[in-house]
Structure formats: structure tokens, C-alpha cells
Protein backbone atom coordinates (compact mmCIF):
# COMPACT_ATOMS: atom_id res chain seq x y z
CA MET A 1 66.49 101.07 79.60
CA GLY A 2 69.45 98.93 80.91
CA MET A 3 69.07 95.81 82.96
CA LYS A 4 69.77 95.94 86.64
CA TYR A 5 73.38 95.12 87.63
CA ARG A 6 73.82 91.61 88.82
CA PRO A 7 77.13 90.50 90.57
CA GLN A 8 79.59 88.67 88.41
CA ILE A 9 82.96 86.96 88.53
CA GLU A 10 85.78 89.57 88.76
CA ILE A 11 88.38 88.09 86.43
CA GLY A 12 89.57 88.89 82.91
CA THR A 13 89.70 92.60 83.51
CA GLY A 14 93.45 92.84 84.21
CA LYS A 15 93.32 91.53 87.71
CA PRO A 16 95.87 88.70 88.19
CA GLN A 17 94.36 85.42 89.30
CA PHE A 18 96.58 85.37 92.35
CA ALA A 19 95.81 88.88 93.58
CA GLY A 20 93.22 90.20 95.92
CA ILE A 21 91.09 88.62 98.68
CA TYR A 22 90.49 84.94 97.88
CA THR A 23 86.80 84.57 97.20
CA PHE A 24 85.45 81.58 95.47
CA MET A 25 86.30 81.88 91.72
CA HIS A 26 86.93 85.64 92.22
CA LEU A 27 83.15 86.15 92.82
CA PRO A 28 82.34 89.47 94.50
CA HIS A 29 82.12 89.18 98.30
CA VAL A 30 78.76 90.86 98.96
CA GLN A 31 75.98 89.90 101.31
CA THR A 32 73.00 90.72 99.19
CA LEU A 33 69.85 88.86 98.34
CA GLU A 34 68.95 91.01 95.37
CA ASN A 35 69.64 90.09 91.70
CA VAL A 36 71.52 86.96 92.64
CA ASP A 37 71.01 83.42 91.34
CA TYR A 38 73.47 81.51 93.50
CA ALA A 39 75.62 82.15 96.55
CA VAL A 40 78.70 80.39 97.66
CA ILE A 41 78.61 80.17 101.42
CA GLY A 42 81.16 78.79 103.86
CA VAL A 43 80.03 76.85 106.90
CA PRO A 44 83.23 76.50 109.11
CA PHE A 45 81.88 73.92 111.58
CA ASP A 46 83.21 70.48 112.45
CA THR A 47 81.84 69.60 115.92
CA GLY A 48 79.91 66.66 114.44
CA VAL A 49 82.94 64.67 113.36
CA SER A 50 83.64 61.19 114.67
CA TYR A 51 87.36 60.96 113.96
CA ALA A 52 89.62 63.73 112.73
CA VAL A 53 88.78 67.40 113.25
CA GLY A 54 89.75 70.39 111.15
CA ALA A 55 87.06 70.64 108.43
CA ARG A 56 86.21 74.03 109.85
CA PHE A 57 89.11 75.31 107.79
CA GLY A 58 87.69 73.75 104.60
CA PRO A 59 85.95 76.77 103.23
CA SER A 60 89.01 78.93 103.19
CA ALA A 61 91.16 76.19 101.61
CA ILE A 62 88.59 75.60 98.88
CA ARG A 63 88.38 79.32 98.08
CA THR A 64 92.22 79.55 97.97
CA MET A 65 92.39 76.67 95.48
CA SER A 66 89.53 78.07 93.28
CA GLN A 67 91.54 81.00 92.02
CA ARG A 68 92.34 79.56 88.60
CA ILE A 69 88.80 78.28 87.89
CA MET A 70 87.22 80.34 85.02
CA PRO A 71 83.57 80.68 84.22
CA ILE A 72 83.39 78.72 81.02
CA SER A 73 82.61 75.02 81.03
CA ARG A 74 84.22 73.35 78.07
CA HIS A 75 82.11 70.20 78.59
CA HIS A 76 78.77 71.97 78.61
CA GLN A 77 79.98 74.75 76.11
CA ILE A 78 78.55 77.37 78.33
CA ASN A 79 79.80 80.61 79.97
CA THR A 80 78.17 80.39 83.38
CA SER A 81 78.28 84.19 83.70
CA ASP A 82 75.98 84.49 80.64
CA TYR A 83 73.16 82.81 82.56
CA LEU A 84 73.85 83.34 86.30
CA SER A 85 74.74 86.05 88.73
CA GLY A 86 76.71 84.70 91.69
CA ILE A 87 78.39 85.92 94.81
CA ASP A 88 80.66 84.76 97.63
CA TYR A 89 78.45 85.36 100.56
CA GLY A 90 81.21 84.69 103.06
CA ASP A 91 80.97 82.40 106.07
CA LEU A 92 77.94 81.74 108.26
CA LYS A 93 78.08 82.43 111.95
CA VAL A 94 78.54 79.25 114.01
CA TYR A 95 79.16 78.36 117.65
CA PRO A 96 82.23 76.02 117.77
CA ALA A 97 81.55 73.05 120.17
CA TYR A 98 77.80 73.88 120.38
CA ILE A 99 76.15 71.78 117.73
CA GLU A 100 72.48 72.39 118.35
CA GLN A 101 72.98 76.18 118.78
CA SER A 102 74.97 76.19 115.65
CA TYR A 103 72.23 74.23 113.78
CA THR A 104 69.72 76.92 114.88
CA ILE A 105 71.78 79.92 113.73
CA ILE A 106 72.83 78.21 110.43
CA GLU A 107 69.15 77.45 109.63
CA GLU A 108 68.18 81.05 110.44
CA GLN A 109 70.83 82.51 108.20
CA LEU A 110 69.99 80.16 105.28
CA LYS A 111 66.20 80.63 105.30
CA PRO A 112 66.30 84.14 103.75
CA VAL A 113 68.61 82.83 101.01
CA PHE A 114 66.12 80.09 100.07
CA GLU A 115 63.21 82.47 100.38
CA ALA A 116 64.84 84.82 97.93
CA GLY A 117 65.04 82.04 95.36
CA ILE A 118 68.81 81.92 95.55
CA VAL A 119 70.53 78.57 95.22
CA PRO A 120 73.18 78.18 97.97
CA ILE A 121 76.37 76.31 97.27
CA LEU A 122 77.66 75.50 100.68
CA LEU A 123 81.25 74.73 101.56
CA GLY A 124 81.78 72.72 104.81
CA GLY A 125 82.58 71.95 107.33
CA ASP A 126 81.67 68.39 108.32
CA HIS A 127 78.64 66.50 107.02
CA SER A 128 76.50 67.27 110.08
CA ILE A 129 75.93 70.76 108.66
CA SER A 130 73.63 69.22 106.04
CA LEU A 131 70.85 68.94 108.66
CA PRO A 132 70.31 72.73 109.15
CA HIS A 133 70.78 73.19 105.46
CA LEU A 134 67.97 70.75 104.75
CA ARG A 135 65.80 72.35 107.42
CA ALA A 136 66.06 75.66 105.63
CA ALA A 137 65.56 74.06 102.23
CA ALA A 138 62.45 72.18 103.30
CA ALA A 139 61.00 75.32 104.86
CA ALA A 140 61.05 76.92 101.34
CA HIS A 141 60.42 73.89 99.14
CA GLY A 142 58.90 71.18 101.30
CA PRO A 143 60.49 67.77 101.49
CA VAL A 144 63.33 67.65 98.96
CA CYS A 145 65.04 64.83 97.07
CA LEU A 146 68.54 63.92 98.09
CA VAL A 147 71.34 63.12 95.60
CA HIS A 148 74.13 61.96 97.84
CA PHE A 149 77.74 61.21 96.79
CA ASP A 150 79.68 59.67 99.65
CA SER A 151 81.51 56.56 100.87
CA HIS A 152 79.23 56.46 103.93
CA SER A 153 75.41 56.55 104.02
CA ASP A 154 75.41 58.81 107.13
CA THR A 155 72.07 57.19 108.25
CA GLY A 156 73.29 55.81 111.65
CA ARG A 157 71.57 56.36 114.93
CA SER A 158 72.67 56.81 118.47
CA ASP A 159 71.03 55.70 121.73
CA THR A 160 72.72 58.65 123.57
CA PRO A 161 71.64 62.27 123.05
CA GLU A 162 75.28 63.40 123.07
CA ARG A 163 75.93 61.45 119.84
CA MET A 164 72.67 62.17 117.96
CA TRP A 165 73.99 64.92 115.77
CA SER A 166 77.17 63.36 114.44
CA HIS A 167 78.05 63.56 110.76
CA GLY A 168 77.29 59.85 110.60
CA ALA A 169 73.62 60.21 111.47
CA VAL A 170 72.52 63.38 109.56
CA PHE A 171 70.19 61.81 107.01
CA SER A 172 68.33 59.46 109.28
CA TYR A 173 67.26 62.48 111.37
CA ALA A 174 66.46 64.40 108.22
CA VAL A 175 63.98 61.65 107.30
CA ASP A 176 62.59 61.67 110.87
CA GLU A 177 61.87 65.40 110.59
CA GLY A 178 60.24 65.05 107.26
CA LEU A 179 62.85 67.13 105.36
CA LEU A 180 63.59 64.46 102.71
CA ASP A 181 61.51 62.64 100.12
CA ALA A 182 63.51 59.44 100.64
CA GLU A 183 61.44 57.43 98.17
CA HIS A 184 62.82 59.71 95.45
CA SER A 185 66.35 60.05 96.90
CA ILE A 186 69.54 58.17 96.12
CA GLN A 187 72.89 57.56 97.78
CA MET A 188 75.94 56.54 95.85
CA GLY A 189 79.44 55.31 96.54
CA MET A 190 79.04 53.53 99.93
CA ARG A 191 82.08 51.31 100.77
CA GLY A 192 84.47 50.37 103.55
CA THR A 193 84.12 48.51 106.77
CA ALA A 194 81.28 48.87 109.26
CA TYR A 195 80.47 48.42 112.90
CA ARG A 196 77.63 46.03 112.15
CA ALA A 197 76.27 44.08 109.21
CA GLY A 198 73.26 45.37 107.34
CA ASN A 199 73.69 49.07 108.10
CA LEU A 200 72.97 49.95 104.49
CA ASP A 201 69.73 47.89 104.73
CA GLU A 202 68.59 50.33 107.42
CA ALA A 203 69.00 53.22 104.95
CA ARG A 204 67.04 51.28 102.29
CA LYS A 205 64.25 50.75 104.87
CA MET A 206 64.07 54.49 105.24
CA GLY A 207 63.29 54.65 101.46
CA PHE A 208 66.62 55.60 100.02
CA GLU A 209 68.04 53.90 96.94
CA VAL A 210 71.54 52.94 98.10
CA MET A 211 74.27 52.05 95.64
CA THR A 212 77.60 50.76 96.94
CA THR A 213 80.84 51.51 95.04
CA ASP A 214 80.47 48.06 93.47
CA ASP A 215 76.99 48.84 92.35
CA VAL A 216 78.09 52.10 90.75
CA ARG A 217 81.04 50.46 89.01
CA ALA A 218 78.75 47.64 87.66
CA ILE A 219 77.02 50.15 85.26
CA SER A 220 78.28 52.93 83.05
CA ILE A 221 78.37 56.55 84.22
CA PRO A 222 75.61 57.51 81.68
CA GLU A 223 73.45 54.70 83.07
CA LEU A 224 74.02 55.93 86.58
CA CYS A 225 73.08 59.49 85.70
CA GLU A 226 69.93 58.29 83.97
CA LYS A 227 69.09 56.26 87.08
CA VAL A 228 69.41 59.39 89.23
CA LYS A 229 67.26 61.45 86.89
CA GLN A 230 64.55 58.83 86.80
CA ARG A 231 64.68 58.65 90.62
CA VAL A 232 64.22 62.45 91.28
CA GLY A 233 62.19 63.48 88.19
CA ASP A 234 61.61 67.25 88.24
CA ARG A 235 61.18 67.50 91.91
CA PRO A 236 63.38 69.92 93.99
CA VAL A 237 66.74 68.34 94.58
CA PHE A 238 69.49 68.94 97.18
CA LEU A 239 72.88 67.53 96.14
CA THR A 240 75.41 66.75 98.83
CA PHE A 241 79.04 65.68 98.03
CA ASP A 242 81.30 64.33 100.70
CA ILE A 243 84.86 64.65 99.41
CA ASP A 244 85.63 61.14 100.71
CA PHE A 245 83.53 59.83 97.78
CA LEU A 246 86.88 60.29 95.96
CA ASP A 247 89.64 57.80 96.54
CA PRO A 248 92.27 58.98 99.09
CA VAL A 249 94.75 59.40 96.27
CA TYR A 250 92.57 62.32 95.12
CA ALA A 251 91.30 63.45 98.50
CA PRO A 252 93.84 62.64 101.24
CA GLY A 253 92.64 65.77 103.17
CA THR A 254 89.52 64.33 104.80
CA GLY A 255 88.71 63.04 108.22
CA THR A 256 87.32 59.51 107.40
CA PRO A 257 88.99 58.34 104.14
CA GLU A 258 87.99 55.03 102.52
CA VAL A 259 90.16 53.29 99.96
CA GLY A 260 88.78 52.02 96.68
CA GLY A 261 87.05 55.22 95.66
CA PHE A 262 86.51 57.26 92.55
CA THR A 263 88.76 59.42 90.45
CA THR A 264 88.18 63.15 89.93
CA TYR A 265 87.41 62.52 86.30
CA GLU A 266 84.74 59.97 87.20
CA ALA A 267 83.18 62.34 89.71
CA GLN A 268 83.17 65.15 87.16
CA GLN A 269 81.48 62.93 84.52
CA MET A 270 78.90 61.81 87.08
CA LEU A 271 77.98 65.46 87.99
CA ARG A 272 77.98 66.67 84.44
CA GLY A 273 75.57 63.84 83.50
CA LEU A 274 73.02 65.30 85.98
CA ALA A 275 72.43 68.36 83.82
CA GLY A 276 68.72 69.36 83.66
CA ILE A 277 67.83 68.28 87.23
CA ASN A 278 65.99 70.91 89.38
CA PHE A 279 68.69 71.64 91.90
CA ILE A 280 67.68 73.98 94.69
CA GLY A 281 70.79 73.57 96.89
CA PHE A 282 74.28 72.02 97.13
CA ASP A 283 76.81 71.30 99.81
CA LEU A 284 80.42 70.06 99.58
CA VAL A 285 81.75 68.74 102.86
CA GLU A 286 84.65 67.11 104.84
CA VAL A 287 87.63 68.90 103.33
CA LEU A 288 90.34 68.84 106.03
CA PRO A 289 93.27 71.00 105.04
CA ASP A 290 95.65 69.89 107.79
CA ARG A 291 95.72 66.37 106.12
CA ASP A 292 96.01 67.93 102.68
CA SER A 293 99.69 68.88 102.42
CA SER A 294 99.66 69.36 98.60
CA SER A 295 96.22 71.03 98.61
CA VAL A 296 95.02 68.45 96.09
CA THR A 297 91.83 67.75 98.09
CA ALA A 298 90.98 71.43 98.13
CA LEU A 299 91.74 71.83 94.48
CA ASN A 300 89.48 68.89 93.59
CA ALA A 301 86.77 70.27 95.89
CA ALA A 302 86.86 73.67 94.24
CA ASN A 303 86.40 72.07 90.79
CA ILE A 304 83.53 70.00 92.02
CA ALA A 305 81.87 73.12 93.25
CA PHE A 306 82.30 74.64 89.81
CA GLU A 307 80.42 71.66 88.45
CA PHE A 308 77.58 72.75 90.66
CA VAL A 309 77.62 76.21 89.19
CA SER A 310 77.64 74.70 85.69
CA LEU A 311 74.62 72.47 86.40
CA LEU A 312 72.65 75.64 87.43
CA ALA A 313 73.74 77.47 84.25
CA VAL A 314 72.76 74.51 82.04
CA ARG A 315 69.33 74.32 83.70
CA ARG A 316 68.86 78.06 83.04
CA ARG A 317 69.85 77.69 79.44
CA LEU A 318 67.35 74.78 79.07
CA GLU A 319 64.65 77.03 80.47
CA GLY A 320 65.46 79.53 77.67
CA ALA A 321 66.95 82.35 79.80
CA SER A 322 69.03 85.04 78.01
CA GLY A 323 71.95 87.12 79.06
CA ILE A 324 71.81 88.87 82.45
CA GLN A 325 73.37 92.32 82.27
CA GLU A 326 74.67 95.07 80.03
CA GLU A 327 77.49 96.53 82.01
CA ALA A 328 78.73 95.99 85.53
CA PRO A 329 79.68 98.99 87.73
CA ALA A 330 82.64 98.84 90.06
CA LEU A 331 81.75 97.24 93.38
């Protein structure tokens, strides 16, 4: 008796890489919650930004630049399609300019994904969208650990309700709501100027381990990865990657760039070194195509998202899973 069909990457069957509708990595665009391990989902929302708008167009730009990404990770020596079934779920519904209403509908759409045991890989959008993502994740898993790559800690606060939900305050409110296990969470890459001294100390008081760019560079990448693994253990982990973690040379297309950042190679090595962690969700945010004239930011973002897929495949391999299907029918 054959195994049930599970959606797979549609490439290598004679279809040119540049042809067809641009889904992420040529994944089938189907909105199903059956026989799926991960779903790439766009969240085209940027009402939470504090400076430059336009990240609502990030998901489509990332998908466009993902067309040449293939399913085999040379680093991990793994064909992700041998261990995982994935889809491009399309974009979630949002209400532009209405942030709380958008939070509600984003959370409602993500809850069934988490309940089905599917790992969402979310393409933003600005970083404020992480709050409804975490609400949906915590509903399924309880408080989760945060592994956070960013040049900003995003743990600010506002005295005015109108500013509460900005992309610079998302994780302080996630702690307030009990969505995060801050004592087992870590933030990495903080740098740049600030409105007031000691803002990172506020994040540390919430329980986060906070590493500035200088802190990260003071140790080797393997040491950093081991620190992250020790911090989270085998607890459920939500990884969020703000593209401004990269230096503006590698990510000019973002709304709040900070100089003195990391290379794409360094970011890849950091992510690859996290293999084995129990990831239950990912998001990749703050890609702003209008400031990305050469599309290098979207290209780098697409490859970072592929590293997320690879981490899931390696975890599945470590768990001893076997191949997933015999033959795929036409979709």
C-alpha cells in the first residue's frame, strides 16, 4: 500500500526555474493542513513601522528571489524533500492601517496551522507581526523560547495607546502576555544608537539574555550556537530574524538599517549551527523592496528562509524519520 501524497517542491521535472507563478522555492501553492510539515506564509503588513514603510511587499519580493533555491543543503548534506513536505500557503488576510484588527485575524488564521502540527515559516511584513504569531504559537505550545536575530531588541514601551503596537515594542508585550519564556530566550546582534541609555538593560530585566554585536563578535560562531542551545534546551522555540541583523551592504532594503552588522555568510553559519533545536515556528521580517534596487536583500532573505527549512529537515533526520512519499500526482 503506497504512502499518502504529501506536497513537494515542483522543480527538476522540466519546469524552468523562471517559469510559472512565483511561489517560495517552487513549492505548490495549496491551502491544506493535511500531510504537511511546514508552510511558507506571507504576512503583508507594515502598519507597525516607526520609519520607512513598504515591508508589506516583502513576501512577494522574497518569493521572486527564491526561484533558484533548490532543496538540497550542501552544508547539512540533506535533501529537505526527503524528510519534509512543504507548501506555499499564500498570504494571510490583513487590514492595512488597522493594527489590532490585523493582529486578531492573523492569529485566527495561524491557530489552525499550529494545531495541525505544521511549522509556519512566516515572511513579513514588519516585526510587529511577531506578536500575533506568538499568540498563536503559545496557544498551541504554551510559552515558547525566543531566538531573536536583530539589530534592535524590540522591547520598548510607549505611554500612549496609539504607539503600543509598534515593531519596536513587540517582545515586551509578548512577555506581558505570557507568550514567551524569557528566562530561556536570547536576543543577538543589538547595535546602533538609542533614545536613552540602558534600553538593553530593560530587556535583560524581563529575563532575556541580550548579546550586542560586540558580544557576538567576541566569541566564535560555534560558541554562540552552543550558547543558544544551552539557553533553550529542548523546549519549543520560535526563531525570528529581522533582516537588519545583516549589515546594510547585504540588506539595504529595510526600514531601519544599522551599520556594523553581519555578513550573509556569518548569518548562514549561525543558523546552521542551531541544528537540532526544537523549532515550532519561524518568521523573517522587515524586507522593504522599494529600498532594494538590486534585490540583494530579498535574495539574502530567501536564502535565510531556506536555512529554516534545512533546520527542520535536520531535526527530522535526527529523530529517525524516513522518506515521505512514493510518487506525487499532478496538482
